[in-house]
Amino acid sequence: MSLAILKALINDVIANKLYVQSFFSTSNTFRIVDLGCSLGPNTFVAMQNVIEAVEHKYQSKGLESKIPEFQVFFNDHVTNDFNTLFTTLPLEKQYFVAGVPGSFHGRLFPEASLYVVHSSYALHWPSKVPTEVLNKDSPAWNKGKIFYTSGSDEVANAFAAQFAEDMENFLNVRAREIMARRMIILIVPSIANGIRRS
């Protein structure tokens, strides 16, 4: 999917779904997180798109004078090269920045602290390789490979079960971290049910 199409979709969903009316009863800081940010520059483009869409939402509601300050949290595994990420930040950025190392499959933020959660092309990575795929005595043993392409149905089912568990954990922890009536934007590669890659 092209960046232009993604931007249009994000603009549309923020314009039609993001709730902003009661925002200023609690804070003047609008907190956004990009989960699985990697090194950029795509994360910077995505965060700028979200911020511009939120600003437009305020303007469309006649709240130009109440546009908040923005804080963006960049999240990825502790092994991510955050030094490279921060040294390549856009000079013209319109937000405050913080890095949050750790797996997005667990809690990362205080309860009800986030306004927009964004993740693009990161959620398809499992939290771990399914145990049965690594077990030589299991029907799902995958001969040392950590992917399911051209694997048996048992291998594909093991990865599908791991994905379902990971998504449930992900959504449960985000439900605690995000404020009521706010937004999660997930961009996840997928294939239709019943189609196997070969």
C-alpha atoms as a PDB file:
ATOM      1  CA  MET A   1       0.000   0.000   0.000  1.00  0.00           C
ATOM      2  CA  SER A   2       1.444   3.387  -0.963  1.00  0.00           C
ATOM      3  CA  LEU A   3       2.213   6.142   1.545  1.00  0.00           C
ATOM      4  CA  ALA A   4      -0.306   8.413  -0.188  1.00  0.00           C
ATOM      5  CA  ILE A   5      -3.107   5.868   0.277  1.00  0.00           C
ATOM      6  CA  LEU A   6      -2.135   5.297   3.923  1.00  0.00           C
ATOM      7  CA  LYS A   7      -2.097   9.044   4.555  1.00  0.00           C
ATOM      8  CA  ALA A   8      -5.550   9.409   3.021  1.00  0.00           C
ATOM      9  CA  LEU A   9      -6.908   6.551   5.148  1.00  0.00           C
ATOM     10  CA  ILE A  10      -5.395   7.999   8.345  1.00  0.00           C
ATOM     11  CA  ASN A  11      -6.764  11.458   7.514  1.00  0.00           C
ATOM     12  CA  ASP A  12     -10.212   9.980   6.967  1.00  0.00           C
ATOM     13  CA  VAL A  13     -10.337   7.883  10.127  1.00  0.00           C
ATOM     14  CA  ILE A  14      -9.039  10.715  12.333  1.00  0.00           C
ATOM     15  CA  ALA A  15     -11.463  13.194  10.753  1.00  0.00           C
ATOM     16  CA  ASN A  16     -14.437  10.890  11.283  1.00  0.00           C
ATOM     17  CA  LYS A  17     -13.625   8.914  14.425  1.00  0.00           C
ATOM     18  CA  LEU A  18     -11.175  10.708  16.744  1.00  0.00           C
ATOM     19  CA  TYR A  19     -12.896  12.343  19.717  1.00  0.00           C
ATOM     20  CA  VAL A  20     -11.336  15.703  20.673  1.00  0.00           C
ATOM     21  CA  GLN A  21     -14.049  17.789  22.365  1.00  0.00           C
ATOM     22  CA  SER A  22     -13.175  17.015  25.991  1.00  0.00           C
ATOM     23  CA  PHE A  23      -9.439  16.828  25.476  1.00  0.00           C
ATOM     24  CA  PHE A  24      -8.517  19.945  27.422  1.00  0.00           C
ATOM     25  CA  SER A  25     -10.224  18.876  30.632  1.00  0.00           C
ATOM     26  CA  THR A  26      -7.142  16.811  31.466  1.00  0.00           C
ATOM     27  CA  SER A  27      -3.977  18.014  29.705  1.00  0.00           C
ATOM     28  CA  ASN A  28      -2.510  20.162  26.971  1.00  0.00           C
ATOM     29  CA  THR A  29      -0.250  17.356  25.713  1.00  0.00           C
ATOM     30  CA  PHE A  30      -1.464  15.028  22.968  1.00  0.00           C
ATOM     31  CA  ARG A  31       0.500  11.772  23.307  1.00  0.00           C
ATOM     32  CA  ILE A  32       1.084   9.533  20.270  1.00  0.00           C
ATOM     33  CA  VAL A  33       3.108   6.318  20.097  1.00  0.00           C
ATOM     34  CA  ASP A  34       4.549   4.509  17.099  1.00  0.00           C
ATOM     35  CA  LEU A  35       4.988   0.860  18.090  1.00  0.00           C
ATOM     36  CA  GLY A  36       7.744  -0.945  16.186  1.00  0.00           C
ATOM     37  CA  CYS A  37       9.276   2.267  14.850  1.00  0.00           C
ATOM     38  CA  SER A  38      12.602   0.751  13.717  1.00  0.00           C
ATOM     39  CA  LEU A  39      15.069   3.407  12.474  1.00  0.00           C
ATOM     40  CA  GLY A  40      12.910   5.750  10.388  1.00  0.00           C
ATOM     41  CA  PRO A  41      12.386   7.622   8.097  1.00  0.00           C
ATOM     42  CA  ASN A  42       8.971   6.001   7.576  1.00  0.00           C
ATOM     43  CA  THR A  43       8.121   6.483  11.242  1.00  0.00           C
ATOM     44  CA  PHE A  44       8.728  10.238  10.939  1.00  0.00           C
ATOM     45  CA  VAL A  45       6.441  10.475   7.910  1.00  0.00           C
ATOM     46  CA  ALA A  46       3.747   8.473   9.693  1.00  0.00           C
ATOM     47  CA  MET A  47       3.913  10.591  12.845  1.00  0.00           C
ATOM     48  CA  GLN A  48       3.792  13.825  10.832  1.00  0.00           C
ATOM     49  CA  ASN A  49       0.747  12.507   8.957  1.00  0.00           C
ATOM     50  CA  VAL A  50      -1.024  11.714  12.238  1.00  0.00           C
ATOM     51  CA  ILE A  51      -0.202  15.126  13.717  1.00  0.00           C
ATOM     52  CA  GLU A  52      -1.381  16.990  10.616  1.00  0.00           C
ATOM     53  CA  ALA A  53      -4.631  14.999  10.618  1.00  0.00           C
ATOM     54  CA  VAL A  54      -5.216  15.777  14.311  1.00  0.00           C
ATOM     55  CA  GLU A  55      -4.515  19.478  13.722  1.00  0.00           C
ATOM     56  CA  HIS A  56      -6.993  19.457  10.839  1.00  0.00           C
ATOM     57  CA  LYS A  57      -9.567  17.794  13.096  1.00  0.00           C
ATOM     58  CA  TYR A  58      -9.221  20.612  15.636  1.00  0.00           C
ATOM     59  CA  GLN A  59      -9.483  23.224  12.899  1.00  0.00           C
ATOM     60  CA  SER A  60     -12.606  21.575  11.454  1.00  0.00           C
ATOM     61  CA  LYS A  61     -14.229  21.796  14.898  1.00  0.00           C
ATOM     62  CA  GLY A  62     -13.370  25.500  15.225  1.00  0.00           C
ATOM     63  CA  LEU A  63     -10.753  24.763  17.893  1.00  0.00           C
ATOM     64  CA  GLU A  64      -7.688  26.291  16.200  1.00  0.00           C
ATOM     65  CA  SER A  65      -6.709  28.108  19.394  1.00  0.00           C
ATOM     66  CA  LYS A  66      -6.809  24.843  21.354  1.00  0.00           C
ATOM     67  CA  ILE A  67      -4.507  22.724  19.202  1.00  0.00           C
ATOM     68  CA  PRO A  68      -2.366  20.903  21.779  1.00  0.00           C
ATOM     69  CA  GLU A  69       1.349  20.300  22.008  1.00  0.00           C
ATOM     70  CA  PHE A  70       2.337  16.886  20.690  1.00  0.00           C
ATOM     71  CA  GLN A  71       4.561  14.287  22.298  1.00  0.00           C
ATOM     72  CA  VAL A  72       5.615  11.300  20.196  1.00  0.00           C
ATOM     73  CA  PHE A  73       6.951   8.109  21.724  1.00  0.00           C
ATOM     74  CA  PHE A  74       9.041   5.918  19.444  1.00  0.00           C
ATOM     75  CA  ASN A  75       8.960   2.276  20.526  1.00  0.00           C
ATOM     76  CA  ASP A  76      10.914  -0.766  19.449  1.00  0.00           C
ATOM     77  CA  HIS A  77      12.913  -3.611  20.988  1.00  0.00           C
ATOM     78  CA  VAL A  78      15.781  -2.692  23.305  1.00  0.00           C
ATOM     79  CA  THR A  79      18.208  -3.773  20.572  1.00  0.00           C
ATOM     80  CA  ASN A  80      16.855  -1.135  18.162  1.00  0.00           C
ATOM     81  CA  ASP A  81      19.405   1.534  17.208  1.00  0.00           C
ATOM     82  CA  PHE A  82      17.735   4.477  18.929  1.00  0.00           C
ATOM     83  CA  ASN A  83      20.905   6.574  18.446  1.00  0.00           C
ATOM     84  CA  THR A  84      20.435   6.427  14.669  1.00  0.00           C
ATOM     85  CA  LEU A  85      16.725   7.105  15.071  1.00  0.00           C
ATOM     86  CA  PHE A  86      17.299  10.236  17.152  1.00  0.00           C
ATOM     87  CA  THR A  87      20.174  11.596  15.061  1.00  0.00           C
ATOM     88  CA  THR A  88      17.968  11.453  11.958  1.00  0.00           C
ATOM     89  CA  LEU A  89      14.935  13.212  13.481  1.00  0.00           C
ATOM     90  CA  PRO A  90      13.542  15.861  11.136  1.00  0.00           C
ATOM     91  CA  LEU A  91      14.812  19.312  12.084  1.00  0.00           C
ATOM     92  CA  GLU A  92      11.374  20.806  11.419  1.00  0.00           C
ATOM     93  CA  LYS A  93       9.505  18.341  13.664  1.00  0.00           C
ATOM     94  CA  GLN A  94       6.537  19.830  15.522  1.00  0.00           C
ATOM     95  CA  TYR A  95       6.555  17.495  18.513  1.00  0.00           C
ATOM     96  CA  PHE A  96       8.498  16.463  21.594  1.00  0.00           C
ATOM     97  CA  VAL A  97      10.230  13.084  21.399  1.00  0.00           C
ATOM     98  CA  ALA A  98      10.916  10.162  23.706  1.00  0.00           C
ATOM     99  CA  GLY A  99      12.166   6.631  23.092  1.00  0.00           C
ATOM    100  CA  VAL A 100      10.445   3.685  24.740  1.00  0.00           C
ATOM    101  CA  PRO A 101      12.431   0.454  24.442  1.00  0.00           C
ATOM    102  CA  GLY A 102      10.627  -2.837  24.999  1.00  0.00           C
ATOM    103  CA  SER A 103       8.285  -5.339  23.394  1.00  0.00           C
ATOM    104  CA  PHE A 104       4.880  -3.978  22.408  1.00  0.00           C
ATOM    105  CA  HIS A 105       3.416  -7.350  23.364  1.00  0.00           C
ATOM    106  CA  GLY A 106       3.566  -6.140  26.998  1.00  0.00           C
ATOM    107  CA  ARG A 107       2.691  -2.963  28.917  1.00  0.00           C
ATOM    108  CA  LEU A 108       4.807   0.079  28.036  1.00  0.00           C
ATOM    109  CA  PHE A 109       2.788   3.096  29.249  1.00  0.00           C
ATOM    110  CA  PRO A 110       0.737   4.215  32.254  1.00  0.00           C
ATOM    111  CA  GLU A 111      -2.966   3.504  32.244  1.00  0.00           C
ATOM    112  CA  ALA A 112      -5.126   5.812  30.110  1.00  0.00           C
ATOM    113  CA  SER A 113      -2.168   7.945  28.992  1.00  0.00           C
ATOM    114  CA  LEU A 114      -2.193   7.687  25.173  1.00  0.00           C
ATOM    115  CA  TYR A 115      -4.386   9.440  22.598  1.00  0.00           C
ATOM    116  CA  VAL A 116      -3.281   7.714  19.392  1.00  0.00           C
ATOM    117  CA  VAL A 117      -1.486   4.375  19.103  1.00  0.00           C
ATOM    118  CA  HIS A 118       0.047   3.707  15.685  1.00  0.00           C
ATOM    119  CA  SER A 119       1.799   0.610  14.391  1.00  0.00           C
ATOM    120  CA  SER A 120       2.721   0.019  10.781  1.00  0.00           C
ATOM    121  CA  TYR A 121       4.047  -3.285   9.432  1.00  0.00           C
ATOM    122  CA  ALA A 122       5.277  -4.506  12.835  1.00  0.00           C
ATOM    123  CA  LEU A 123       2.500  -6.631  14.361  1.00  0.00           C
ATOM    124  CA  HIS A 124       3.124  -9.570  12.033  1.00  0.00           C
ATOM    125  CA  TRP A 125       6.360 -10.260  13.958  1.00  0.00           C
ATOM    126  CA  PRO A 126       5.557 -12.821  16.674  1.00  0.00           C
ATOM    127  CA  SER A 127       6.614 -12.366  20.283  1.00  0.00           C
ATOM    128  CA  LYS A 128       8.385 -15.721  20.024  1.00  0.00           C
ATOM    129  CA  VAL A 129       8.753 -18.721  17.747  1.00  0.00           C
ATOM    130  CA  PRO A 130       6.037 -21.225  18.690  1.00  0.00           C
ATOM    131  CA  THR A 131       7.467 -23.920  20.961  1.00  0.00           C
ATOM    132  CA  GLU A 132       6.070 -26.799  18.920  1.00  0.00           C
ATOM    133  CA  VAL A 133       7.845 -25.535  15.787  1.00  0.00           C
ATOM    134  CA  LEU A 134      11.174 -26.008  17.563  1.00  0.00           C
ATOM    135  CA  ASN A 135      10.338 -29.400  19.096  1.00  0.00           C
ATOM    136  CA  LYS A 136      11.662 -32.327  17.010  1.00  0.00           C
ATOM    137  CA  ASP A 137       8.997 -34.605  18.508  1.00  0.00           C
ATOM    138  CA  SER A 138       6.126 -32.314  17.502  1.00  0.00           C
ATOM    139  CA  PRO A 139       4.081 -32.720  14.287  1.00  0.00           C
ATOM    140  CA  ALA A 140       4.711 -28.983  13.842  1.00  0.00           C
ATOM    141  CA  TRP A 141       8.501 -29.317  13.943  1.00  0.00           C
ATOM    142  CA  ASN A 142       9.805 -27.112  11.165  1.00  0.00           C
ATOM    143  CA  LYS A 143      13.300 -28.585  10.688  1.00  0.00           C
ATOM    144  CA  GLY A 144      15.010 -25.584  12.274  1.00  0.00           C
ATOM    145  CA  LYS A 145      13.246 -22.977  10.118  1.00  0.00           C
ATOM    146  CA  ILE A 146      11.497 -20.124  11.935  1.00  0.00           C
ATOM    147  CA  PHE A 147       8.929 -19.357   9.222  1.00  0.00           C
ATOM    148  CA  TYR A 148       5.929 -21.200   7.858  1.00  0.00           C
ATOM    149  CA  THR A 149       6.342 -20.641   4.121  1.00  0.00           C
ATOM    150  CA  SER A 150       6.047 -24.054   2.435  1.00  0.00           C
ATOM    151  CA  GLY A 151       5.660 -25.676   5.860  1.00  0.00           C
ATOM    152  CA  SER A 152       3.025 -28.202   6.850  1.00  0.00           C
ATOM    153  CA  ASP A 153      -0.463 -27.318   8.046  1.00  0.00           C
ATOM    154  CA  GLU A 154       0.725 -27.991  11.605  1.00  0.00           C
ATOM    155  CA  VAL A 155       3.480 -25.381  11.213  1.00  0.00           C
ATOM    156  CA  ALA A 156       1.060 -22.816   9.789  1.00  0.00           C
ATOM    157  CA  ASN A 157      -1.445 -23.555  12.573  1.00  0.00           C
ATOM    158  CA  ALA A 158       1.254 -23.135  15.242  1.00  0.00           C
ATOM    159  CA  PHE A 159       2.173 -19.705  13.855  1.00  0.00           C
ATOM    160  CA  ALA A 160      -1.521 -18.774  13.527  1.00  0.00           C
ATOM    161  CA  ALA A 161      -2.107 -19.711  17.177  1.00  0.00           C
ATOM    162  CA  GLN A 162       0.929 -17.660  18.238  1.00  0.00           C
ATOM    163  CA  PHE A 163      -0.363 -14.688  16.238  1.00  0.00           C
ATOM    164  CA  ALA A 164      -3.802 -14.972  17.867  1.00  0.00           C
ATOM    165  CA  GLU A 165      -2.226 -15.082  21.343  1.00  0.00           C
ATOM    166  CA  ASP A 166       0.058 -12.135  20.543  1.00  0.00           C
ATOM    167  CA  MET A 167      -2.819 -10.041  19.168  1.00  0.00           C
ATOM    168  CA  GLU A 168      -4.962 -10.738  22.219  1.00  0.00           C
ATOM    169  CA  ASN A 169      -2.112  -9.676  24.519  1.00  0.00           C
ATOM    170  CA  PHE A 170      -1.379  -6.621  22.371  1.00  0.00           C
ATOM    171  CA  LEU A 171      -4.990  -5.426  22.360  1.00  0.00           C
ATOM    172  CA  ASN A 172      -5.463  -6.091  26.082  1.00  0.00           C
ATOM    173  CA  VAL A 173      -2.447  -4.005  27.108  1.00  0.00           C
ATOM    174  CA  ARG A 174      -3.283  -1.223  24.656  1.00  0.00           C
ATOM    175  CA  ALA A 175      -6.840  -1.122  26.049  1.00  0.00           C
ATOM    176  CA  ARG A 176      -5.325  -0.212  29.409  1.00  0.00           C
ATOM    177  CA  GLU A 177      -2.855   2.334  28.026  1.00  0.00           C
ATOM    178  CA  ILE A 178      -5.112   4.269  25.661  1.00  0.00           C
ATOM    179  CA  MET A 179      -7.615   6.840  26.849  1.00  0.00           C
ATOM    180  CA  ALA A 180     -11.317   6.225  26.380  1.00  0.00           C
ATOM    181  CA  ARG A 181     -12.722   7.245  22.984  1.00  0.00           C
ATOM    182  CA  ARG A 182      -9.277   7.619  21.429  1.00  0.00           C
ATOM    183  CA  MET A 183      -7.699   5.682  18.557  1.00  0.00           C
ATOM    184  CA  ILE A 184      -5.511   2.753  17.531  1.00  0.00           C
ATOM    185  CA  ILE A 185      -4.219   2.722  13.947  1.00  0.00           C
ATOM    186  CA  LEU A 186      -2.857  -0.676  12.875  1.00  0.00           C
ATOM    187  CA  ILE A 187      -1.389  -1.399   9.459  1.00  0.00           C
ATOM    188  CA  VAL A 188      -0.738  -5.121   9.178  1.00  0.00           C
ATOM    189  CA  PRO A 189       0.236  -7.149   6.099  1.00  0.00           C
ATOM    190  CA  SER A 190      -2.075 -10.089   5.585  1.00  0.00           C
ATOM    191  CA  ILE A 191      -3.396 -12.684   3.191  1.00  0.00           C
ATOM    192  CA  ALA A 192      -6.967 -13.911   2.831  1.00  0.00           C
ATOM    193  CA  ASN A 193      -8.160 -16.892   4.876  1.00  0.00           C
ATOM    194  CA  GLY A 194      -7.464 -20.198   3.175  1.00  0.00           C
ATOM    195  CA  ILE A 195      -4.588 -18.894   1.049  1.00  0.00           C
ATOM    196  CA  ARG A 196      -1.168 -20.359   1.768  1.00  0.00           C
ATOM    197  CA  ARG A 197       2.075 -18.918   0.518  1.00  0.00           C
ATOM    198  CA  SER A 198       4.253 -21.435  -1.247  1.00  0.00           C
END
